[in-house]
Amino acid sequence: MVIVLVGTTVLTLRPGGLRRQMRYAARRFRLAIVLGGVYVLCSAIARIAFSDTFVTDWGLPALALALVVLFLIFGQNPTEPIRSGRS
């Protein structure tokens, strides 16, 4: 219970408030689901087509590493223009 309250407080204090932070979290979750599906599909294809070869030994960890890099690139918060205090 304390972790939920502290997490909500921290997210509320960040720029844009809780709604924006939850939108970013949902975006990252959808990205993780898609990339996980890509890994499972490629893993199944590799295990069927290239059973007992170097592809299943080295290719799948390389694919996982590439997908992690994609997640780190596409999972960032979008940049927003800096607004001055004047209108």
N, C-alpha and C. Protein backbone atom coordinates (compact mmCIF):
# COMPACT_ATOMS: atom_id res chain seq x y z
N MET A 1 0.83 -1.19 0.00
CA MET A 1 0.00 0.00 0.00
C MET A 1 0.87 1.25 0.00
N VAL A 2 1.94 1.22 0.78
CA VAL A 2 2.82 2.38 0.86
C VAL A 2 3.51 2.61 -0.49
N ILE A 3 3.89 1.53 -1.17
CA ILE A 3 4.56 1.66 -2.46
C ILE A 3 3.63 2.32 -3.48
N VAL A 4 2.36 1.96 -3.47
CA VAL A 4 1.40 2.57 -4.40
C VAL A 4 1.25 4.06 -4.11
N LEU A 5 1.16 4.42 -2.86
CA LEU A 5 1.01 5.84 -2.50
C LEU A 5 2.25 6.65 -2.86
N VAL A 6 3.44 6.10 -2.59
CA VAL A 6 4.67 6.81 -2.93
C VAL A 6 4.81 6.92 -4.45
N GLY A 7 4.50 5.85 -5.17
CA GLY A 7 4.57 5.88 -6.63
C GLY A 7 3.62 6.90 -7.22
N THR A 8 2.40 6.95 -6.72
CA THR A 8 1.42 7.94 -7.19
C THR A 8 1.89 9.36 -6.88
N THR A 9 2.45 9.57 -5.72
CA THR A 9 2.94 10.89 -5.35
C THR A 9 4.07 11.33 -6.26
N VAL A 10 5.01 10.44 -6.53
CA VAL A 10 6.15 10.78 -7.39
C VAL A 10 5.68 11.07 -8.81
N LEU A 11 4.78 10.25 -9.34
CA LEU A 11 4.28 10.48 -10.70
C LEU A 11 3.47 11.76 -10.80
N THR A 12 2.78 12.12 -9.75
CA THR A 12 1.99 13.35 -9.75
C THR A 12 2.89 14.58 -9.76
N LEU A 13 4.06 14.49 -9.11
CA LEU A 13 4.96 15.64 -9.04
C LEU A 13 5.75 15.86 -10.33
N ARG A 14 5.83 14.85 -11.18
CA ARG A 14 6.58 15.00 -12.43
C ARG A 14 5.83 15.93 -13.37
N PRO A 15 6.55 16.56 -14.32
CA PRO A 15 5.89 17.49 -15.25
C PRO A 15 4.77 16.82 -16.03
N GLY A 16 3.63 17.47 -16.07
CA GLY A 16 2.48 16.94 -16.79
C GLY A 16 1.50 16.19 -15.92
N GLY A 17 1.91 15.82 -14.74
CA GLY A 17 1.00 15.18 -13.80
C GLY A 17 0.84 13.70 -14.04
N LEU A 18 -0.06 13.13 -13.27
CA LEU A 18 -0.28 11.69 -13.26
C LEU A 18 -0.82 11.18 -14.59
N ARG A 19 -1.72 11.91 -15.20
CA ARG A 19 -2.34 11.45 -16.45
C ARG A 19 -1.30 11.25 -17.54
N ARG A 20 -0.39 12.19 -17.71
CA ARG A 20 0.64 12.08 -18.74
C ARG A 20 1.59 10.93 -18.43
N GLN A 21 1.97 10.77 -17.18
CA GLN A 21 2.89 9.69 -16.81
C GLN A 21 2.25 8.32 -17.03
N MET A 22 0.97 8.20 -16.75
CA MET A 22 0.28 6.94 -16.99
C MET A 22 0.14 6.67 -18.49
N ARG A 23 -0.02 7.72 -19.28
CA ARG A 23 -0.08 7.56 -20.74
C ARG A 23 1.26 7.06 -21.26
N TYR A 24 2.37 7.60 -20.72
CA TYR A 24 3.70 7.13 -21.12
C TYR A 24 3.90 5.67 -20.71
N ALA A 25 3.44 5.30 -19.52
CA ALA A 25 3.58 3.92 -19.06
C ALA A 25 2.77 2.97 -19.94
N ALA A 26 1.58 3.38 -20.34
CA ALA A 26 0.75 2.55 -21.22
C ALA A 26 1.41 2.40 -22.59
N ARG A 27 2.02 3.46 -23.06
CA ARG A 27 2.73 3.41 -24.35
C ARG A 27 3.90 2.44 -24.29
N ARG A 28 4.66 2.48 -23.20
CA ARG A 28 5.78 1.55 -23.04
C ARG A 28 5.28 0.11 -22.89
N PHE A 29 4.16 -0.09 -22.22
CA PHE A 29 3.61 -1.43 -22.05
C PHE A 29 3.20 -2.00 -23.40
N ARG A 30 2.52 -1.20 -24.23
CA ARG A 30 2.14 -1.67 -25.57
C ARG A 30 3.37 -2.01 -26.40
N LEU A 31 4.40 -1.19 -26.30
CA LEU A 31 5.64 -1.45 -27.02
C LEU A 31 6.28 -2.75 -26.55
N ALA A 32 6.28 -3.00 -25.26
CA ALA A 32 6.85 -4.23 -24.72
C ALA A 32 6.05 -5.45 -25.19
N ILE A 33 4.74 -5.33 -25.25
CA ILE A 33 3.91 -6.44 -25.73
C ILE A 33 4.21 -6.75 -27.19
N VAL A 34 4.33 -5.72 -28.02
CA VAL A 34 4.62 -5.93 -29.45
C VAL A 34 6.01 -6.54 -29.63
N LEU A 35 7.01 -6.00 -28.95
CA LEU A 35 8.36 -6.54 -29.09
C LEU A 35 8.46 -7.96 -28.53
N GLY A 36 7.74 -8.25 -27.48
CA GLY A 36 7.70 -9.61 -26.95
C GLY A 36 7.07 -10.58 -27.94
N GLY A 37 6.02 -10.14 -28.61
CA GLY A 37 5.39 -10.96 -29.65
C GLY A 37 6.33 -11.21 -30.82
N VAL A 38 7.09 -10.18 -31.20
CA VAL A 38 8.07 -10.35 -32.27
C VAL A 38 9.11 -11.39 -31.86
N TYR A 39 9.57 -11.34 -30.62
CA TYR A 39 10.57 -12.30 -30.15
C TYR A 39 10.01 -13.72 -30.15
N VAL A 40 8.80 -13.90 -29.67
CA VAL A 40 8.20 -15.23 -29.62
C VAL A 40 8.02 -15.78 -31.03
N LEU A 41 7.54 -14.96 -31.95
CA LEU A 41 7.34 -15.39 -33.33
C LEU A 41 8.67 -15.77 -34.00
N CYS A 42 9.66 -14.91 -33.86
CA CYS A 42 10.98 -15.19 -34.46
C CYS A 42 11.64 -16.39 -33.79
N SER A 43 11.44 -16.55 -32.51
CA SER A 43 12.01 -17.69 -31.80
C SER A 43 11.38 -18.99 -32.30
N ALA A 44 10.08 -19.00 -32.49
CA ALA A 44 9.41 -20.20 -32.99
C ALA A 44 9.88 -20.54 -34.39
N ILE A 45 9.98 -19.53 -35.25
CA ILE A 45 10.44 -19.76 -36.62
C ILE A 45 11.88 -20.28 -36.62
N ALA A 46 12.73 -19.68 -35.81
CA ALA A 46 14.13 -20.10 -35.76
C ALA A 46 14.27 -21.52 -35.24
N ARG A 47 13.49 -21.88 -34.24
CA ARG A 47 13.60 -23.22 -33.68
C ARG A 47 13.06 -24.28 -34.64
N ILE A 48 12.07 -23.93 -35.47
CA ILE A 48 11.55 -24.89 -36.44
C ILE A 48 12.47 -24.98 -37.66
N ALA A 49 12.88 -23.84 -38.18
CA ALA A 49 13.65 -23.82 -39.42
C ALA A 49 15.13 -24.12 -39.20
N PHE A 50 15.70 -23.72 -38.09
CA PHE A 50 17.14 -23.86 -37.86
C PHE A 50 17.43 -24.64 -36.58
N SER A 51 16.79 -25.77 -36.40
CA SER A 51 16.99 -26.52 -35.15
C SER A 51 18.42 -27.04 -35.07
N ASP A 52 19.00 -26.93 -33.90
CA ASP A 52 20.35 -27.41 -33.59
C ASP A 52 21.43 -26.78 -34.46
N THR A 53 21.32 -25.49 -34.72
CA THR A 53 22.36 -24.78 -35.46
C THR A 53 22.80 -23.58 -34.63
N PHE A 54 23.77 -22.86 -35.15
CA PHE A 54 24.26 -21.67 -34.45
C PHE A 54 23.21 -20.57 -34.38
N VAL A 55 22.22 -20.62 -35.26
CA VAL A 55 21.17 -19.59 -35.25
C VAL A 55 20.39 -19.63 -33.94
N THR A 56 20.05 -20.82 -33.49
CA THR A 56 19.31 -20.91 -32.22
C THR A 56 20.22 -20.65 -31.03
N ASP A 57 21.53 -20.92 -31.19
CA ASP A 57 22.46 -20.68 -30.09
C ASP A 57 22.82 -19.21 -29.94
N TRP A 58 23.08 -18.54 -31.03
CA TRP A 58 23.57 -17.16 -31.00
C TRP A 58 22.58 -16.15 -31.56
N GLY A 59 21.72 -16.57 -32.44
CA GLY A 59 20.79 -15.64 -33.09
C GLY A 59 19.71 -15.13 -32.17
N LEU A 60 19.17 -16.03 -31.34
CA LEU A 60 18.08 -15.60 -30.45
C LEU A 60 18.55 -14.62 -29.36
N PRO A 61 19.71 -14.84 -28.74
CA PRO A 61 20.19 -13.80 -27.81
C PRO A 61 20.50 -12.48 -28.52
N ALA A 62 21.01 -12.56 -29.75
CA ALA A 62 21.27 -11.34 -30.51
C ALA A 62 19.96 -10.62 -30.84
N LEU A 63 18.94 -11.39 -31.18
CA LEU A 63 17.62 -10.80 -31.44
C LEU A 63 17.07 -10.15 -30.18
N ALA A 64 17.21 -10.80 -29.04
CA ALA A 64 16.74 -10.23 -27.77
C ALA A 64 17.46 -8.93 -27.46
N LEU A 65 18.76 -8.90 -27.69
CA LEU A 65 19.53 -7.68 -27.45
C LEU A 65 19.08 -6.55 -28.39
N ALA A 66 18.84 -6.89 -29.65
CA ALA A 66 18.37 -5.88 -30.61
C ALA A 66 17.00 -5.35 -30.21
N LEU A 67 16.12 -6.22 -29.72
CA LEU A 67 14.79 -5.77 -29.29
C LEU A 67 14.87 -4.90 -28.05
N VAL A 68 15.80 -5.18 -27.15
CA VAL A 68 16.00 -4.32 -25.98
C VAL A 68 16.46 -2.94 -26.40
N VAL A 69 17.38 -2.89 -27.36
CA VAL A 69 17.85 -1.59 -27.86
C VAL A 69 16.69 -0.82 -28.50
N LEU A 70 15.85 -1.51 -29.28
CA LEU A 70 14.68 -0.86 -29.87
C LEU A 70 13.74 -0.33 -28.79
N PHE A 71 13.56 -1.11 -27.72
CA PHE A 71 12.70 -0.64 -26.63
C PHE A 71 13.28 0.61 -25.98
N LEU A 72 14.59 0.63 -25.78
CA LEU A 72 15.21 1.81 -25.16
C LEU A 72 15.11 3.04 -26.05
N ILE A 73 15.16 2.84 -27.35
CA ILE A 73 15.06 3.98 -28.28
C ILE A 73 13.63 4.47 -28.38
N PHE A 74 12.69 3.55 -28.65
CA PHE A 74 11.30 3.96 -28.87
C PHE A 74 10.51 4.16 -27.58
N GLY A 75 11.02 3.71 -26.44
CA GLY A 75 10.30 3.83 -25.19
C GLY A 75 10.55 5.13 -24.43
N GLN A 76 11.35 6.02 -25.02
CA GLN A 76 11.65 7.28 -24.35
C GLN A 76 10.43 8.20 -24.37
N ASN A 77 10.39 9.09 -23.40
CA ASN A 77 9.34 10.10 -23.40
C ASN A 77 9.55 11.04 -24.58
N PRO A 78 8.48 11.41 -25.27
CA PRO A 78 8.65 12.34 -26.38
C PRO A 78 9.08 13.72 -25.87
N THR A 79 9.92 14.38 -26.64
CA THR A 79 10.37 15.71 -26.24
C THR A 79 9.28 16.72 -26.56
N GLU A 80 9.15 17.67 -25.69
CA GLU A 80 8.16 18.72 -25.89
C GLU A 80 8.87 20.05 -25.94
N PRO A 81 8.34 20.97 -26.72
CA PRO A 81 9.00 22.28 -26.80
C PRO A 81 8.99 22.99 -25.44
N ILE A 82 10.05 23.71 -25.19
CA ILE A 82 10.17 24.46 -23.94
C ILE A 82 9.29 25.71 -24.05
N ARG A 83 8.43 25.86 -23.09
CA ARG A 83 7.52 27.01 -23.10
C ARG A 83 8.01 28.04 -22.09
N SER A 84 7.98 29.27 -22.49
CA SER A 84 8.34 30.32 -21.54
C SER A 84 7.11 30.67 -20.70
N GLY A 85 7.33 31.40 -19.65
CA GLY A 85 6.24 31.76 -18.75
C GLY A 85 5.30 32.80 -19.34
N ARG A 86 5.71 33.42 -20.43
CA ARG A 86 4.87 34.46 -21.04
C ARG A 86 3.88 33.86 -22.00
N SER A 87 2.73 34.54 -22.20
CA SER A 87 1.76 34.06 -23.19
C SER A 87 1.72 34.92 -24.41
